[in-house]
Amino acid sequence: MIVLVLPDVTQDDVLLGRARDGDKEAISEIYRQYVDSIYQFCRLRLGNAEQAEDITSTVFTKLLQSIAKGNAPQYHLRGWLFKVARNAIYDTYGKNIPLPLETIEQIDAGDSINPETIVNQELNADALRASLQELSPDQQEVILLRFDQQLSLRETADILGKNINTVKALQFRAVNRLRDVLQRAGVQGL
């Protein structure tokens, strides 16, 4: 899976404060820092590049509108952006859209030149993609937000509109379910 390095949350709060004060460079910096990760999240959830671009545009349009109206978030910019993306996806495509198999990235074979190793890793990646389909939509989102997007428990809870303990429980159940499904499929060491 692709992992993007996201900015420090405290720096985000300073940047957000500048944007709320009308600093156009701060708004541009927010866009530069987050457009790729928001797009990636939407692409993974929707499986369609054009739809992901549309939702990503919606997210940043809503940010600009909220700044102009004076009701932009004061803290937790990253969580706010992902929550807007999630809500836009749900508003447009519904809550129970399945996680598309083809958008889950293949596990990188790395520098290995051993064909057997490469084939085994590709088989494991296929098993992982199929296993993710067996999770509930909430569990899939927790896995994407926590492990693919590297969001904190607090940010994930804010995005999902759930408390931290619920997110922990969803994550725990999702990881255990994945482990069980992968073990039944004979995948080891993933």
Protein backbone atom coordinates (compact mmCIF):
# COMPACT_ATOMS: atom_id res chain seq x y z
CA MET A 1 0.00 0.00 0.00
CA ILE A 2 1.11 3.54 -0.61
CA VAL A 3 1.82 5.54 2.50
CA LEU A 4 2.01 9.30 2.30
CA VAL A 5 3.93 11.29 4.88
CA LEU A 6 1.52 13.80 6.29
CA PRO A 7 2.49 17.06 7.99
CA ASP A 8 2.79 17.55 11.74
CA VAL A 9 -0.62 18.24 13.27
CA THR A 10 0.59 21.24 15.32
CA GLN A 11 2.03 22.84 12.18
CA ASP A 12 -1.34 22.19 10.55
CA ASP A 13 -3.10 24.16 13.26
CA VAL A 14 -0.79 27.14 12.66
CA LEU A 15 -1.33 26.84 8.90
CA LEU A 16 -5.08 26.63 9.42
CA GLY A 17 -5.00 29.73 11.62
CA ARG A 18 -3.21 31.63 8.88
CA ALA A 19 -5.76 30.42 6.31
CA ARG A 20 -8.63 31.51 8.56
CA ASP A 21 -6.99 34.95 8.69
CA GLY A 22 -7.12 35.13 4.89
CA ASP A 23 -3.53 34.15 4.04
CA LYS A 24 -3.81 32.83 0.47
CA GLU A 25 -0.35 31.23 0.64
CA ALA A 26 -1.50 29.19 3.67
CA ILE A 27 -4.55 28.01 1.72
CA SER A 28 -2.29 27.00 -1.18
CA GLU A 29 0.01 25.16 1.21
CA ILE A 30 -2.93 23.25 2.72
CA TYR A 31 -3.95 22.20 -0.77
CA ARG A 32 -0.40 21.11 -1.70
CA GLN A 33 0.02 19.13 1.50
CA TYR A 34 -3.30 17.28 1.36
CA VAL A 35 -4.56 16.97 -2.20
CA ASP A 36 -2.70 13.71 -2.86
CA SER A 37 -3.75 11.96 0.35
CA ILE A 38 -7.40 13.06 0.02
CA TYR A 39 -7.43 11.92 -3.60
CA GLN A 40 -5.84 8.58 -2.66
CA PHE A 41 -8.43 7.99 0.07
CA CYS A 42 -11.27 8.76 -2.36
CA ARG A 43 -9.71 6.59 -5.07
CA LEU A 44 -9.39 3.65 -2.71
CA ARG A 45 -13.00 4.01 -1.56
CA LEU A 46 -14.52 4.56 -5.01
CA GLY A 47 -12.27 2.71 -7.44
CA ASN A 48 -12.77 5.41 -10.05
CA ALA A 49 -10.26 8.18 -10.77
CA GLU A 50 -12.80 10.70 -12.10
CA GLN A 51 -15.12 10.23 -9.13
CA ALA A 52 -12.16 10.57 -6.77
CA GLU A 53 -11.13 13.82 -8.50
CA ASP A 54 -14.68 15.16 -8.17
CA ILE A 55 -14.85 14.37 -4.46
CA THR A 56 -11.36 15.81 -3.89
CA SER A 57 -12.48 19.03 -5.59
CA THR A 58 -15.56 19.09 -3.39
CA VAL A 59 -13.41 18.79 -0.26
CA PHE A 60 -11.23 21.78 -1.10
CA THR A 61 -14.20 23.81 -2.33
CA LYS A 62 -15.88 23.22 1.04
CA LEU A 63 -12.69 24.31 2.79
CA LEU A 64 -12.63 27.56 0.81
CA GLN A 65 -16.34 28.13 1.46
CA SER A 66 -15.96 27.50 5.19
CA ILE A 67 -13.00 29.91 5.38
CA ALA A 68 -14.97 32.57 3.48
CA LYS A 69 -17.96 32.15 5.81
CA GLY A 70 -15.77 32.25 8.90
CA ASN A 71 -16.71 28.76 10.07
CA ALA A 72 -13.60 26.79 9.08
CA PRO A 73 -12.33 24.35 11.68
CA GLN A 74 -9.98 25.78 14.26
CA TYR A 75 -8.10 22.54 14.93
CA HIS A 76 -7.57 19.09 13.43
CA LEU A 77 -7.38 20.16 9.79
CA ARG A 78 -6.36 16.72 8.54
CA GLY A 79 -9.28 15.02 10.29
CA TRP A 80 -11.70 17.68 9.05
CA LEU A 81 -10.57 17.22 5.43
CA PHE A 82 -10.94 13.44 5.57
CA LYS A 83 -14.34 13.75 7.25
CA VAL A 84 -15.55 16.08 4.49
CA ALA A 85 -14.25 13.57 1.91
CA ARG A 86 -15.99 10.66 3.62
CA ASN A 87 -19.27 12.58 3.93
CA ALA A 88 -19.10 13.69 0.28
CA ILE A 89 -18.58 10.08 -0.79
CA TYR A 90 -21.54 8.96 1.31
CA ASP A 91 -23.77 11.82 0.11
CA THR A 92 -22.96 11.08 -3.53
CA TYR A 93 -22.59 7.30 -3.66
CA GLY A 94 -24.18 5.95 -0.47
CA LYS A 95 -22.76 4.47 2.72
CA ASN A 96 -22.47 0.84 1.79
CA ILE A 97 -20.37 1.02 -1.34
CA PRO A 98 -17.99 -1.95 -1.40
CA LEU A 99 -14.26 -1.42 -1.27
CA PRO A 100 -13.10 -2.04 -4.87
CA LEU A 101 -10.58 -4.87 -5.07
CA GLU A 102 -8.64 -3.34 -7.92
CA THR A 103 -7.73 -0.21 -5.97
CA ILE A 104 -5.90 -1.98 -3.18
CA GLU A 105 -2.26 -1.66 -4.14
CA GLN A 106 -0.21 -4.76 -4.78
CA ILE A 107 2.35 -5.49 -2.12
CA ASP A 108 5.65 -4.26 -3.54
CA ALA A 109 8.03 -7.07 -4.36
CA GLY A 110 10.88 -4.77 -3.38
CA ASP A 111 14.32 -5.47 -4.74
CA SER A 112 13.77 -9.22 -4.80
CA ILE A 113 14.73 -10.84 -8.05
CA ASN A 114 13.67 -14.30 -6.91
CA PRO A 115 10.63 -15.20 -9.08
CA GLU A 116 9.23 -17.50 -6.37
CA THR A 117 9.29 -14.68 -3.82
CA ILE A 118 7.60 -12.30 -6.26
CA VAL A 119 4.85 -14.82 -7.07
CA ASN A 120 4.25 -15.53 -3.36
CA GLN A 121 3.99 -11.82 -2.58
CA GLU A 122 1.52 -11.30 -5.43
CA LEU A 123 -0.58 -14.24 -4.21
CA ASN A 124 -0.53 -12.78 -0.68
CA ALA A 125 -1.61 -9.38 -2.03
CA ASP A 126 -4.51 -11.03 -3.90
CA ALA A 127 -5.55 -12.85 -0.73
CA LEU A 128 -5.36 -9.60 1.26
CA ARG A 129 -7.55 -7.76 -1.26
CA ALA A 130 -10.12 -10.56 -1.20
CA SER A 131 -10.01 -10.66 2.60
CA LEU A 132 -10.71 -6.94 2.88
CA GLN A 133 -14.00 -7.56 1.08
CA GLU A 134 -15.12 -9.71 4.01
CA LEU A 135 -14.95 -6.76 6.41
CA SER A 136 -17.86 -4.46 7.12
CA PRO A 137 -17.72 -1.02 5.46
CA ASP A 138 -16.84 0.57 8.84
CA GLN A 139 -14.02 -1.92 9.37
CA GLN A 140 -12.71 -1.30 5.85
CA GLU A 141 -12.65 2.44 6.50
CA VAL A 142 -10.84 2.00 9.80
CA ILE A 143 -8.19 -0.13 8.08
CA LEU A 144 -7.78 2.45 5.29
CA LEU A 145 -7.64 5.44 7.62
CA ARG A 146 -5.42 3.89 10.28
CA PHE A 147 -2.98 1.84 8.19
CA ASP A 148 -3.05 3.31 4.68
CA GLN A 149 -3.45 6.98 5.62
CA GLN A 150 -1.63 6.63 8.98
CA LEU A 151 -4.24 8.65 10.87
CA SER A 152 -4.39 8.64 14.65
CA LEU A 153 -7.18 7.03 16.65
CA ARG A 154 -8.55 10.51 17.47
CA GLU A 155 -8.54 11.61 13.82
CA THR A 156 -10.14 8.35 12.70
CA ALA A 157 -12.80 8.63 15.39
CA ASP A 158 -13.57 12.23 14.37
CA ILE A 159 -13.83 11.28 10.70
CA LEU A 160 -16.12 8.32 11.39
CA GLY A 161 -18.19 10.21 13.97
CA LYS A 162 -17.44 7.54 16.58
CA ASN A 163 -15.66 7.54 19.91
CA ILE A 164 -12.09 6.29 20.21
CA ASN A 165 -13.07 3.06 21.98
CA THR A 166 -15.43 2.18 19.12
CA VAL A 167 -12.64 2.77 16.60
CA LYS A 168 -10.30 0.60 18.67
CA ALA A 169 -12.92 -2.16 18.73
CA LEU A 170 -13.53 -1.86 14.97
CA GLN A 171 -9.80 -2.00 14.31
CA PHE A 172 -9.31 -4.96 16.65
CA ARG A 173 -12.15 -6.92 15.04
CA ALA A 174 -11.00 -6.01 11.52
CA VAL A 175 -7.41 -7.10 12.13
CA ASN A 176 -8.53 -10.34 13.77
CA ARG A 177 -10.97 -11.04 10.94
CA LEU A 178 -8.24 -10.39 8.34
CA ARG A 179 -5.86 -12.67 10.23
CA ASP A 180 -8.45 -15.48 10.36
CA VAL A 181 -9.38 -15.17 6.70
CA LEU A 182 -5.75 -15.05 5.60
CA GLN A 183 -4.82 -18.04 7.76
CA ARG A 184 -7.69 -20.04 6.25
CA ALA A 185 -6.39 -19.06 2.82
CA GLY A 186 -2.95 -20.38 3.82
CA VAL A 187 -1.19 -17.00 3.76
CA GLN A 188 1.71 -16.83 6.18
CA GLY A 189 3.84 -13.88 7.25
CA LEU A 190 1.80 -11.10 5.65
